[in-house]
Amino acid sequence: MRLTPEGLDTEYAAGSSRTKWSAVEREETTAGYVLIYLGANMAHIVPRGAFPDDAAVAKFASEIEQRRTAATPL
């Protein structure tokens, strides 16, 4: 997953996708994950283990929130 000016870019074995920042409803950080909600029951789930330390988790979450709030609503 990459954070770009346009949105969240995700690559899978079968292809790739982009989620525009305006589609991100909220970000939530838990003890085990960073959750990027696109709806009530839909989220990108990023394990905290994907980051080297808590500071990197906080930076990632902060960047998501900044880009989400700056986005033009859908």
N, C-alpha and C. Protein backbone atom coordinates (compact mmCIF):
# COMPACT_ATOMS: atom_id res chain seq x y z
N MET A 1 0.85 -1.17 0.00
CA MET A 1 0.00 0.00 0.00
C MET A 1 0.90 1.23 0.00
N ARG A 2 0.53 2.18 -0.86
CA ARG A 2 1.26 3.45 -0.92
C ARG A 2 0.28 4.60 -0.75
N LEU A 3 0.71 5.61 -0.01
CA LEU A 3 -0.08 6.82 0.12
C LEU A 3 0.42 7.79 -0.94
N THR A 4 -0.48 8.20 -1.83
CA THR A 4 -0.13 9.13 -2.89
C THR A 4 -1.00 10.38 -2.74
N PRO A 5 -0.67 11.45 -3.44
CA PRO A 5 -1.53 12.63 -3.37
C PRO A 5 -2.97 12.35 -3.80
N GLU A 6 -3.17 11.37 -4.69
CA GLU A 6 -4.50 11.06 -5.21
C GLU A 6 -5.29 10.12 -4.30
N GLY A 7 -4.59 9.25 -3.55
CA GLY A 7 -5.29 8.30 -2.71
C GLY A 7 -4.41 7.17 -2.24
N LEU A 8 -5.05 6.09 -1.81
CA LEU A 8 -4.35 4.88 -1.38
C LEU A 8 -4.18 3.96 -2.58
N ASP A 9 -2.96 3.65 -2.93
CA ASP A 9 -2.70 2.72 -4.03
C ASP A 9 -2.35 1.37 -3.43
N THR A 10 -3.06 0.34 -3.87
CA THR A 10 -2.86 -1.01 -3.37
C THR A 10 -2.61 -1.95 -4.53
N GLU A 11 -1.62 -2.82 -4.39
CA GLU A 11 -1.33 -3.81 -5.43
C GLU A 11 -1.58 -5.21 -4.89
N TYR A 12 -2.21 -6.01 -5.73
CA TYR A 12 -2.54 -7.39 -5.41
C TYR A 12 -1.93 -8.27 -6.49
N ALA A 13 -1.94 -9.57 -6.26
CA ALA A 13 -1.44 -10.50 -7.28
C ALA A 13 -2.25 -10.38 -8.57
N ALA A 14 -3.54 -10.09 -8.45
CA ALA A 14 -4.42 -10.03 -9.61
C ALA A 14 -4.56 -8.63 -10.22
N GLY A 15 -3.95 -7.62 -9.61
CA GLY A 15 -4.09 -6.28 -10.16
C GLY A 15 -3.79 -5.22 -9.13
N SER A 16 -4.38 -4.07 -9.32
CA SER A 16 -4.15 -2.96 -8.40
C SER A 16 -5.41 -2.12 -8.28
N SER A 17 -5.44 -1.26 -7.26
CA SER A 17 -6.58 -0.38 -7.08
C SER A 17 -6.13 0.94 -6.48
N ARG A 18 -6.94 1.95 -6.67
CA ARG A 18 -6.71 3.24 -6.04
C ARG A 18 -8.01 3.64 -5.34
N THR A 19 -7.89 4.02 -4.09
CA THR A 19 -9.01 4.56 -3.32
C THR A 19 -8.75 6.04 -3.14
N LYS A 20 -9.63 6.87 -3.66
CA LYS A 20 -9.46 8.31 -3.51
C LYS A 20 -9.61 8.71 -2.04
N TRP A 21 -8.89 9.74 -1.65
CA TRP A 21 -8.96 10.20 -0.26
C TRP A 21 -10.38 10.58 0.14
N SER A 22 -11.14 11.10 -0.78
CA SER A 22 -12.51 11.49 -0.46
C SER A 22 -13.40 10.30 -0.12
N ALA A 23 -12.96 9.09 -0.45
CA ALA A 23 -13.73 7.88 -0.13
C ALA A 23 -13.38 7.31 1.24
N VAL A 24 -12.33 7.81 1.86
CA VAL A 24 -11.92 7.33 3.18
C VAL A 24 -12.75 8.03 4.24
N GLU A 25 -13.50 7.25 5.01
CA GLU A 25 -14.37 7.82 6.04
C GLU A 25 -13.62 8.16 7.32
N ARG A 26 -12.72 7.26 7.72
CA ARG A 26 -11.96 7.50 8.94
C ARG A 26 -10.80 6.51 9.05
N GLU A 27 -9.90 6.82 9.95
CA GLU A 27 -8.76 5.96 10.26
C GLU A 27 -8.84 5.62 11.73
N GLU A 28 -8.54 4.38 12.07
CA GLU A 28 -8.54 3.96 13.47
C GLU A 28 -7.30 3.11 13.71
N THR A 29 -6.58 3.40 14.77
CA THR A 29 -5.41 2.61 15.13
C THR A 29 -5.74 1.81 16.38
N THR A 30 -5.53 0.50 16.30
CA THR A 30 -5.78 -0.38 17.44
C THR A 30 -4.45 -0.98 17.89
N ALA A 31 -4.51 -1.84 18.88
CA ALA A 31 -3.29 -2.48 19.38
C ALA A 31 -2.60 -3.32 18.30
N GLY A 32 -3.37 -3.83 17.34
CA GLY A 32 -2.78 -4.72 16.34
C GLY A 32 -2.82 -4.24 14.91
N TYR A 33 -3.63 -3.20 14.63
CA TYR A 33 -3.86 -2.81 13.23
C TYR A 33 -4.06 -1.31 13.06
N VAL A 34 -3.86 -0.87 11.82
CA VAL A 34 -4.34 0.43 11.38
C VAL A 34 -5.49 0.12 10.44
N LEU A 35 -6.67 0.63 10.74
CA LEU A 35 -7.87 0.37 9.96
C LEU A 35 -8.23 1.64 9.19
N ILE A 36 -8.39 1.50 7.89
CA ILE A 36 -8.73 2.64 7.04
C ILE A 36 -10.13 2.36 6.50
N TYR A 37 -11.13 2.98 7.12
CA TYR A 37 -12.52 2.69 6.81
C TYR A 37 -13.00 3.42 5.56
N LEU A 38 -13.65 2.63 4.69
CA LEU A 38 -14.26 3.15 3.47
C LEU A 38 -15.77 3.15 3.61
N GLY A 39 -16.27 2.53 4.65
CA GLY A 39 -17.69 2.42 4.93
C GLY A 39 -17.85 1.76 6.29
N ALA A 40 -19.09 1.56 6.70
CA ALA A 40 -19.35 0.97 8.02
C ALA A 40 -18.74 -0.42 8.16
N ASN A 41 -18.75 -1.21 7.09
CA ASN A 41 -18.29 -2.59 7.15
C ASN A 41 -17.18 -2.89 6.14
N MET A 42 -16.46 -1.86 5.71
CA MET A 42 -15.40 -2.07 4.74
C MET A 42 -14.18 -1.25 5.12
N ALA A 43 -13.03 -1.92 5.19
CA ALA A 43 -11.81 -1.21 5.58
C ALA A 43 -10.58 -1.89 5.00
N HIS A 44 -9.55 -1.10 4.75
CA HIS A 44 -8.22 -1.64 4.49
C HIS A 44 -7.65 -1.93 5.88
N ILE A 45 -7.07 -3.11 6.05
CA ILE A 45 -6.52 -3.50 7.34
C ILE A 45 -5.01 -3.67 7.19
N VAL A 46 -4.27 -2.86 7.92
CA VAL A 46 -2.81 -2.88 7.84
C VAL A 46 -2.28 -3.34 9.20
N PRO A 47 -1.60 -4.49 9.25
CA PRO A 47 -1.06 -4.95 10.53
C PRO A 47 0.02 -4.00 11.06
N ARG A 48 0.03 -3.77 12.36
CA ARG A 48 1.08 -2.93 12.96
C ARG A 48 2.45 -3.53 12.73
N GLY A 49 2.52 -4.83 12.56
CA GLY A 49 3.79 -5.51 12.30
C GLY A 49 4.42 -5.11 10.98
N ALA A 50 3.66 -4.43 10.11
CA ALA A 50 4.19 -3.97 8.82
C ALA A 50 5.08 -2.74 9.00
N PHE A 51 5.12 -2.19 10.22
CA PHE A 51 5.89 -0.98 10.51
C PHE A 51 7.04 -1.32 11.45
N PRO A 52 8.14 -0.59 11.33
CA PRO A 52 9.30 -0.90 12.18
C PRO A 52 9.11 -0.54 13.66
N ASP A 53 8.25 0.47 13.94
CA ASP A 53 8.06 0.88 15.33
C ASP A 53 6.78 1.70 15.46
N ASP A 54 6.46 2.06 16.70
CA ASP A 54 5.23 2.82 16.97
C ASP A 54 5.25 4.20 16.33
N ALA A 55 6.43 4.80 16.22
CA ALA A 55 6.52 6.12 15.59
C ALA A 55 6.13 6.06 14.12
N ALA A 56 6.49 4.98 13.44
CA ALA A 56 6.12 4.81 12.04
C ALA A 56 4.62 4.60 11.89
N VAL A 57 4.02 3.88 12.83
CA VAL A 57 2.56 3.69 12.82
C VAL A 57 1.87 5.04 12.98
N ALA A 58 2.33 5.83 13.94
CA ALA A 58 1.73 7.13 14.20
C ALA A 58 1.88 8.06 13.00
N LYS A 59 3.02 8.03 12.34
CA LYS A 59 3.25 8.87 11.16
C LYS A 59 2.31 8.46 10.02
N PHE A 60 2.16 7.15 9.79
CA PHE A 60 1.27 6.63 8.76
C PHE A 60 -0.17 7.05 9.03
N ALA A 61 -0.62 6.87 10.26
CA ALA A 61 -1.99 7.22 10.64
C ALA A 61 -2.23 8.72 10.50
N SER A 62 -1.26 9.51 10.90
CA SER A 62 -1.38 10.96 10.81
C SER A 62 -1.46 11.42 9.35
N GLU A 63 -0.65 10.81 8.51
CA GLU A 63 -0.66 11.15 7.08
C GLU A 63 -2.01 10.82 6.45
N ILE A 64 -2.56 9.68 6.81
CA ILE A 64 -3.88 9.31 6.30
C ILE A 64 -4.92 10.35 6.72
N GLU A 65 -4.91 10.71 8.00
CA GLU A 65 -5.90 11.66 8.50
C GLU A 65 -5.75 13.03 7.84
N GLN A 66 -4.54 13.49 7.66
CA GLN A 66 -4.30 14.78 7.01
C GLN A 66 -4.82 14.77 5.57
N ARG A 67 -4.50 13.72 4.84
CA ARG A 67 -4.94 13.65 3.43
C ARG A 67 -6.45 13.47 3.33
N ARG A 68 -7.02 12.69 4.25
CA ARG A 68 -8.47 12.46 4.23
C ARG A 68 -9.21 13.75 4.49
N THR A 69 -8.80 14.50 5.48
CA THR A 69 -9.53 15.72 5.83
C THR A 69 -9.33 16.83 4.77
N ALA A 70 -8.23 16.79 4.04
CA ALA A 70 -7.97 17.79 3.00
C ALA A 70 -8.68 17.47 1.70
N ALA A 71 -9.18 16.25 1.55
CA ALA A 71 -9.81 15.81 0.29
C ALA A 71 -11.17 16.47 0.08
N THR A 72 -11.50 16.66 -1.16
CA THR A 72 -12.82 17.14 -1.54
C THR A 72 -13.81 16.00 -1.39
N PRO A 73 -14.92 16.19 -0.67
CA PRO A 73 -15.90 15.10 -0.48
C PRO A 73 -16.45 14.60 -1.82
N LEU A 74 -16.84 13.33 -1.82
CA LEU A 74 -17.44 12.73 -3.02
C LEU A 74 -18.77 13.38 -3.34
